[in-house]
Amino acid sequence: MNANQLTLALLSPVSKSGPFIDGVSWLDVTDLAKGVGFETRTAISIALADALASRSGETESAYDQHLYDALWLAQFQFTLNSLHPTTFNFSFLCMHARNPGFDEVSLCLHVESVDQTTFLGLLEDF
């Protein structure tokens, strides 16, 4: 009788490659981020940039203010969690496109640091 021995090949864990600043999916916002306390290179996702974009009827500076507020809150939450990956909610008001008044925009954001770079984006960007 010939005995065959089966071997079990264990797969090595798949490492998740982090995002990287490419100007297509992630935008470098390091200069502004340093002003709110980030000490590393910092990027936001294109999807987040689109979500923060000025609506019709708003000034172009509305985007800058939304971005600054999101970065400030991200730095605050990230610091509270000892620089561990953090998910939090961010809300802001924007002018209603058709009627006078404002709409509230609520976003679920995620911030994490990978290889000396901090990434901030919508939760689904990670």
N, C-alpha and C. Protein backbone atom coordinates (compact mmCIF):
# COMPACT_ATOMS: atom_id res chain seq x y z
N MET A 1 0.83 -1.16 0.00
CA MET A 1 0.00 0.00 0.00
C MET A 1 0.89 1.24 0.00
N ASN A 2 0.59 2.21 -0.89
CA ASN A 2 1.38 3.42 -1.02
C ASN A 2 0.67 4.56 -0.29
N ALA A 3 1.32 5.11 0.69
CA ALA A 3 0.72 6.18 1.48
C ALA A 3 1.14 7.53 0.91
N ASN A 4 0.18 8.32 0.61
CA ASN A 4 0.44 9.69 0.14
C ASN A 4 0.24 10.65 1.31
N GLN A 5 1.16 11.53 1.45
CA GLN A 5 1.05 12.51 2.51
C GLN A 5 0.62 13.84 1.91
N LEU A 6 -0.40 14.40 2.50
CA LEU A 6 -0.88 15.69 2.05
C LEU A 6 -0.15 16.77 2.84
N THR A 7 0.22 17.80 2.15
CA THR A 7 0.85 18.93 2.84
C THR A 7 -0.10 20.11 2.79
N LEU A 8 -0.07 20.85 3.83
CA LEU A 8 -0.92 22.02 3.93
C LEU A 8 -0.06 23.25 3.67
N ALA A 9 -0.38 23.93 2.62
CA ALA A 9 0.37 25.15 2.28
C ALA A 9 -0.39 26.33 2.89
N LEU A 10 0.19 26.93 3.89
CA LEU A 10 -0.44 28.08 4.53
C LEU A 10 -0.12 29.34 3.72
N LEU A 11 -1.12 30.10 3.52
CA LEU A 11 -0.93 31.35 2.79
C LEU A 11 -0.40 32.40 3.74
N SER A 12 0.53 33.17 3.24
CA SER A 12 1.03 34.28 4.06
C SER A 12 -0.03 35.37 4.07
N PRO A 13 -0.14 36.08 5.18
CA PRO A 13 -1.16 37.13 5.23
C PRO A 13 -0.93 38.19 4.16
N VAL A 14 -2.00 38.63 3.59
CA VAL A 14 -1.92 39.66 2.56
C VAL A 14 -1.83 41.00 3.26
N SER A 15 -0.79 41.73 2.94
CA SER A 15 -0.66 43.05 3.56
C SER A 15 -1.42 44.07 2.73
N LYS A 16 -2.16 44.90 3.42
CA LYS A 16 -2.93 45.94 2.75
C LYS A 16 -1.99 47.09 2.41
N SER A 17 -1.89 47.38 1.14
CA SER A 17 -1.05 48.51 0.77
C SER A 17 -1.85 49.78 1.02
N GLY A 18 -1.20 50.72 1.61
CA GLY A 18 -1.87 51.97 1.95
C GLY A 18 -2.02 52.85 0.72
N PRO A 19 -2.84 53.87 0.85
CA PRO A 19 -2.98 54.81 -0.25
C PRO A 19 -1.70 55.61 -0.45
N PHE A 20 -1.55 56.22 -1.58
CA PHE A 20 -0.39 57.09 -1.81
C PHE A 20 -0.84 58.31 -2.60
N ILE A 21 -0.13 59.40 -2.38
CA ILE A 21 -0.49 60.67 -3.02
C ILE A 21 -0.08 60.61 -4.48
N ASP A 22 -1.08 60.62 -5.35
CA ASP A 22 -0.80 60.52 -6.78
C ASP A 22 -1.39 61.67 -7.58
N GLY A 23 -2.14 62.55 -6.92
CA GLY A 23 -2.76 63.65 -7.63
C GLY A 23 -4.01 63.24 -8.39
N VAL A 24 -4.30 61.95 -8.42
CA VAL A 24 -5.49 61.46 -9.11
C VAL A 24 -6.53 61.00 -8.10
N SER A 25 -6.12 60.17 -7.16
CA SER A 25 -7.01 59.68 -6.12
C SER A 25 -6.85 60.44 -4.81
N TRP A 26 -5.65 60.96 -4.59
CA TRP A 26 -5.32 61.67 -3.35
C TRP A 26 -4.60 62.98 -3.68
N LEU A 27 -5.01 64.06 -3.00
CA LEU A 27 -4.42 65.37 -3.22
C LEU A 27 -3.59 65.79 -2.01
N ASP A 28 -2.43 66.36 -2.26
CA ASP A 28 -1.56 66.82 -1.19
C ASP A 28 -2.09 68.15 -0.62
N VAL A 29 -2.36 68.15 0.69
CA VAL A 29 -2.83 69.37 1.37
C VAL A 29 -1.93 69.66 2.58
N THR A 30 -0.67 69.27 2.47
CA THR A 30 0.27 69.37 3.59
C THR A 30 0.38 70.79 4.13
N ASP A 31 0.49 71.78 3.26
CA ASP A 31 0.69 73.16 3.72
C ASP A 31 -0.47 73.62 4.61
N LEU A 32 -1.69 73.37 4.20
CA LEU A 32 -2.84 73.76 5.01
C LEU A 32 -2.92 72.90 6.28
N ALA A 33 -2.63 71.61 6.15
CA ALA A 33 -2.72 70.69 7.29
C ALA A 33 -1.73 71.04 8.40
N LYS A 34 -0.58 71.54 8.03
CA LYS A 34 0.40 71.94 9.06
C LYS A 34 -0.15 73.07 9.92
N GLY A 35 -0.99 73.90 9.35
CA GLY A 35 -1.58 75.00 10.08
C GLY A 35 -2.56 74.57 11.16
N VAL A 36 -3.07 73.33 11.08
CA VAL A 36 -3.98 72.82 12.10
C VAL A 36 -3.31 71.78 13.00
N GLY A 37 -2.01 71.53 12.79
CA GLY A 37 -1.28 70.66 13.70
C GLY A 37 -0.74 69.36 13.16
N PHE A 38 -1.03 69.02 11.90
CA PHE A 38 -0.45 67.80 11.35
C PHE A 38 1.05 68.00 11.17
N GLU A 39 1.83 66.99 11.55
CA GLU A 39 3.29 67.11 11.46
C GLU A 39 3.87 66.30 10.30
N THR A 40 3.03 65.55 9.61
CA THR A 40 3.49 64.73 8.49
C THR A 40 2.86 65.24 7.20
N ARG A 41 3.34 64.71 6.10
CA ARG A 41 2.73 64.98 4.80
C ARG A 41 1.27 64.55 4.91
N THR A 42 0.35 65.32 4.34
CA THR A 42 -1.08 65.05 4.51
C THR A 42 -1.78 65.13 3.16
N ALA A 43 -2.73 64.21 2.96
CA ALA A 43 -3.48 64.16 1.70
C ALA A 43 -4.96 63.93 2.00
N ILE A 44 -5.81 64.44 1.10
CA ILE A 44 -7.24 64.15 1.16
C ILE A 44 -7.63 63.41 -0.12
N SER A 45 -8.68 62.61 -0.03
CA SER A 45 -9.14 61.89 -1.21
C SER A 45 -9.87 62.83 -2.16
N ILE A 46 -9.88 62.47 -3.42
CA ILE A 46 -10.61 63.24 -4.43
C ILE A 46 -12.10 63.27 -4.07
N ALA A 47 -12.62 62.13 -3.58
CA ALA A 47 -14.03 62.06 -3.22
C ALA A 47 -14.35 63.07 -2.11
N LEU A 48 -13.46 63.20 -1.14
CA LEU A 48 -13.67 64.18 -0.08
C LEU A 48 -13.59 65.60 -0.64
N ALA A 49 -12.63 65.86 -1.50
CA ALA A 49 -12.51 67.18 -2.12
C ALA A 49 -13.79 67.53 -2.87
N ASP A 50 -14.35 66.56 -3.57
CA ASP A 50 -15.61 66.78 -4.30
C ASP A 50 -16.76 67.07 -3.34
N ALA A 51 -16.81 66.33 -2.23
CA ALA A 51 -17.89 66.52 -1.25
C ALA A 51 -17.80 67.89 -0.57
N LEU A 52 -16.60 68.41 -0.44
CA LEU A 52 -16.40 69.71 0.21
C LEU A 52 -16.52 70.88 -0.77
N ALA A 53 -16.59 70.59 -2.05
CA ALA A 53 -16.57 71.63 -3.08
C ALA A 53 -17.70 72.64 -2.89
N SER A 54 -17.43 73.87 -3.28
CA SER A 54 -18.41 74.95 -3.19
C SER A 54 -19.60 74.64 -4.09
N ARG A 55 -20.78 74.92 -3.60
CA ARG A 55 -22.00 74.75 -4.38
C ARG A 55 -22.31 76.06 -5.09
N SER A 56 -23.24 76.00 -6.03
CA SER A 56 -23.61 77.24 -6.72
C SER A 56 -24.19 78.20 -5.70
N GLY A 57 -23.82 79.45 -5.83
CA GLY A 57 -24.26 80.46 -4.89
C GLY A 57 -23.28 80.70 -3.76
N GLU A 58 -22.32 79.80 -3.57
CA GLU A 58 -21.31 79.97 -2.53
C GLU A 58 -20.05 80.60 -3.14
N THR A 59 -19.31 81.27 -2.33
CA THR A 59 -18.04 81.82 -2.79
C THR A 59 -17.01 80.70 -2.91
N GLU A 60 -15.95 80.95 -3.66
CA GLU A 60 -14.90 79.95 -3.80
C GLU A 60 -14.21 79.67 -2.48
N SER A 61 -14.25 80.62 -1.57
CA SER A 61 -13.60 80.42 -0.28
C SER A 61 -14.36 79.43 0.61
N ALA A 62 -15.60 79.09 0.23
CA ALA A 62 -16.37 78.12 1.01
C ALA A 62 -15.66 76.77 1.04
N TYR A 63 -15.10 76.35 -0.10
CA TYR A 63 -14.35 75.09 -0.14
C TYR A 63 -13.17 75.14 0.83
N ASP A 64 -12.42 76.24 0.80
CA ASP A 64 -11.26 76.37 1.68
C ASP A 64 -11.68 76.26 3.14
N GLN A 65 -12.81 76.88 3.49
CA GLN A 65 -13.27 76.83 4.87
C GLN A 65 -13.71 75.42 5.25
N HIS A 66 -14.44 74.74 4.36
CA HIS A 66 -14.87 73.36 4.63
C HIS A 66 -13.65 72.46 4.82
N LEU A 67 -12.65 72.63 3.96
CA LEU A 67 -11.44 71.81 4.04
C LEU A 67 -10.70 72.08 5.34
N TYR A 68 -10.55 73.34 5.68
CA TYR A 68 -9.87 73.71 6.93
C TYR A 68 -10.59 73.08 8.13
N ASP A 69 -11.91 73.19 8.16
CA ASP A 69 -12.70 72.64 9.27
C ASP A 69 -12.55 71.11 9.35
N ALA A 70 -12.59 70.45 8.19
CA ALA A 70 -12.43 68.98 8.17
C ALA A 70 -11.05 68.57 8.66
N LEU A 71 -10.02 69.29 8.23
CA LEU A 71 -8.66 68.98 8.69
C LEU A 71 -8.50 69.24 10.18
N TRP A 72 -9.08 70.33 10.66
CA TRP A 72 -8.98 70.64 12.09
C TRP A 72 -9.63 69.54 12.92
N LEU A 73 -10.84 69.13 12.53
CA LEU A 73 -11.54 68.09 13.27
C LEU A 73 -10.81 66.75 13.17
N ALA A 74 -10.25 66.46 12.00
CA ALA A 74 -9.48 65.22 11.84
C ALA A 74 -8.27 65.20 12.76
N GLN A 75 -7.55 66.31 12.83
CA GLN A 75 -6.39 66.39 13.72
C GLN A 75 -6.81 66.21 15.18
N PHE A 76 -7.91 66.84 15.56
CA PHE A 76 -8.42 66.72 16.93
C PHE A 76 -8.77 65.27 17.25
N GLN A 77 -9.56 64.62 16.38
CA GLN A 77 -9.97 63.23 16.61
C GLN A 77 -8.77 62.28 16.59
N PHE A 78 -7.85 62.51 15.65
CA PHE A 78 -6.66 61.66 15.51
C PHE A 78 -5.80 61.74 16.76
N THR A 79 -5.64 62.94 17.29
CA THR A 79 -4.85 63.14 18.51
C THR A 79 -5.53 62.49 19.71
N LEU A 80 -6.86 62.62 19.80
CA LEU A 80 -7.60 61.99 20.90
C LEU A 80 -7.41 60.48 20.91
N ASN A 81 -7.26 59.89 19.73
CA ASN A 81 -7.11 58.44 19.61
C ASN A 81 -5.65 58.01 19.48
N SER A 82 -4.75 58.82 19.97
CA SER A 82 -3.31 58.51 19.99
C SER A 82 -2.76 58.16 18.62
N LEU A 83 -3.22 58.87 17.61
CA LEU A 83 -2.76 58.72 16.22
C LEU A 83 -3.07 57.35 15.62
N HIS A 84 -4.07 56.66 16.17
CA HIS A 84 -4.55 55.41 15.58
C HIS A 84 -5.61 55.75 14.53
N PRO A 85 -5.79 54.88 13.54
CA PRO A 85 -6.83 55.14 12.53
C PRO A 85 -8.16 55.47 13.22
N THR A 86 -8.81 56.50 12.73
CA THR A 86 -10.00 57.02 13.40
C THR A 86 -11.09 57.34 12.38
N THR A 87 -12.32 56.99 12.72
CA THR A 87 -13.47 57.33 11.90
C THR A 87 -14.37 58.26 12.71
N PHE A 88 -14.88 59.31 12.06
CA PHE A 88 -15.70 60.29 12.76
C PHE A 88 -16.64 60.94 11.77
N ASN A 89 -17.65 61.62 12.29
CA ASN A 89 -18.61 62.33 11.45
C ASN A 89 -18.25 63.81 11.35
N PHE A 90 -18.43 64.37 10.18
CA PHE A 90 -18.17 65.78 9.93
C PHE A 90 -19.37 66.36 9.20
N SER A 91 -19.89 67.45 9.71
CA SER A 91 -21.05 68.11 9.10
C SER A 91 -20.73 69.58 8.86
N PHE A 92 -21.31 70.12 7.81
CA PHE A 92 -21.16 71.54 7.52
C PHE A 92 -22.39 72.02 6.75
N LEU A 93 -22.59 73.31 6.76
CA LEU A 93 -23.71 73.92 6.05
C LEU A 93 -23.24 74.43 4.70
N CYS A 94 -24.09 74.25 3.69
CA CYS A 94 -23.80 74.85 2.38
C CYS A 94 -25.08 75.48 1.86
N MET A 95 -24.90 76.46 1.02
CA MET A 95 -26.07 77.16 0.47
C MET A 95 -26.89 76.21 -0.39
N HIS A 96 -28.20 76.30 -0.24
CA HIS A 96 -29.11 75.48 -1.03
C HIS A 96 -29.05 75.95 -2.48
N ALA A 97 -29.00 75.04 -3.40
CA ALA A 97 -28.81 75.38 -4.81
C ALA A 97 -30.00 76.14 -5.40
N ARG A 98 -31.23 75.81 -5.00
CA ARG A 98 -32.41 76.40 -5.65
C ARG A 98 -33.16 77.40 -4.79
N ASN A 99 -33.18 77.18 -3.50
CA ASN A 99 -33.95 78.04 -2.60
C ASN A 99 -33.01 78.79 -1.66
N PRO A 100 -33.46 79.93 -1.17
CA PRO A 100 -32.62 80.60 -0.17
C PRO A 100 -32.56 79.74 1.09
N GLY A 101 -31.43 79.71 1.69
CA GLY A 101 -31.26 78.90 2.90
C GLY A 101 -30.05 77.98 2.77
N PHE A 102 -29.93 77.08 3.72
CA PHE A 102 -28.77 76.21 3.78
C PHE A 102 -29.18 74.75 3.89
N ASP A 103 -28.34 73.88 3.40
CA ASP A 103 -28.47 72.44 3.57
C ASP A 103 -27.34 71.97 4.46
N GLU A 104 -27.61 70.94 5.27
CA GLU A 104 -26.54 70.36 6.08
C GLU A 104 -25.98 69.15 5.34
N VAL A 105 -24.68 69.12 5.19
CA VAL A 105 -23.99 68.00 4.56
C VAL A 105 -23.28 67.24 5.68
N SER A 106 -23.54 65.94 5.78
CA SER A 106 -22.90 65.10 6.80
C SER A 106 -22.08 64.03 6.11
N LEU A 107 -20.83 63.91 6.53
CA LEU A 107 -19.91 62.95 5.93
C LEU A 107 -19.29 62.07 7.01
N CYS A 108 -19.07 60.81 6.69
CA CYS A 108 -18.35 59.90 7.57
C CYS A 108 -16.91 59.88 7.07
N LEU A 109 -15.99 60.44 7.86
CA LEU A 109 -14.59 60.56 7.45
C LEU A 109 -13.70 59.59 8.21
N HIS A 110 -12.58 59.28 7.60
CA HIS A 110 -11.59 58.38 8.20
C HIS A 110 -10.22 59.02 8.03
N VAL A 111 -9.41 58.94 9.07
CA VAL A 111 -8.04 59.47 9.01
C VAL A 111 -7.11 58.38 9.52
N GLU A 112 -6.00 58.20 8.81
CA GLU A 112 -4.98 57.25 9.24
C GLU A 112 -3.63 57.66 8.68
N SER A 113 -2.60 57.16 9.33
CA SER A 113 -1.24 57.47 8.91
C SER A 113 -0.58 56.21 8.36
N VAL A 114 0.02 56.34 7.19
CA VAL A 114 0.71 55.23 6.53
C VAL A 114 2.06 55.74 6.04
N ASP A 115 3.14 55.13 6.50
CA ASP A 115 4.48 55.49 6.03
C ASP A 115 4.76 57.00 6.06
N GLN A 116 4.58 57.61 7.20
CA GLN A 116 4.89 59.03 7.41
C GLN A 116 4.00 59.98 6.59
N THR A 117 2.84 59.50 6.16
CA THR A 117 1.86 60.34 5.46
C THR A 117 0.50 60.11 6.11
N THR A 118 -0.22 61.19 6.33
CA THR A 118 -1.57 61.09 6.91
C THR A 118 -2.59 61.26 5.80
N PHE A 119 -3.58 60.37 5.79
CA PHE A 119 -4.61 60.37 4.76
C PHE A 119 -5.96 60.64 5.40
N LEU A 120 -6.73 61.55 4.82
CA LEU A 120 -8.07 61.87 5.28
C LEU A 120 -9.00 61.71 4.08
N GLY A 121 -10.06 60.94 4.28
CA GLY A 121 -11.01 60.75 3.19
C GLY A 121 -12.33 60.24 3.69
N LEU A 122 -13.24 60.01 2.78
CA LEU A 122 -14.50 59.36 3.12
C LEU A 122 -14.18 57.93 3.55
N LEU A 123 -15.02 57.38 4.41
CA LEU A 123 -14.77 56.04 4.93
C LEU A 123 -14.58 55.03 3.79
N GLU A 124 -15.36 55.15 2.72
CA GLU A 124 -15.26 54.18 1.61
C GLU A 124 -13.99 54.34 0.77
N ASP A 125 -13.21 55.38 1.01
CA ASP A 125 -11.97 55.58 0.26
C ASP A 125 -10.84 54.67 0.75
N PHE A 126 -11.06 54.01 1.88
CA PHE A 126 -9.99 53.17 2.45
C PHE A 126 -10.25 51.71 2.24
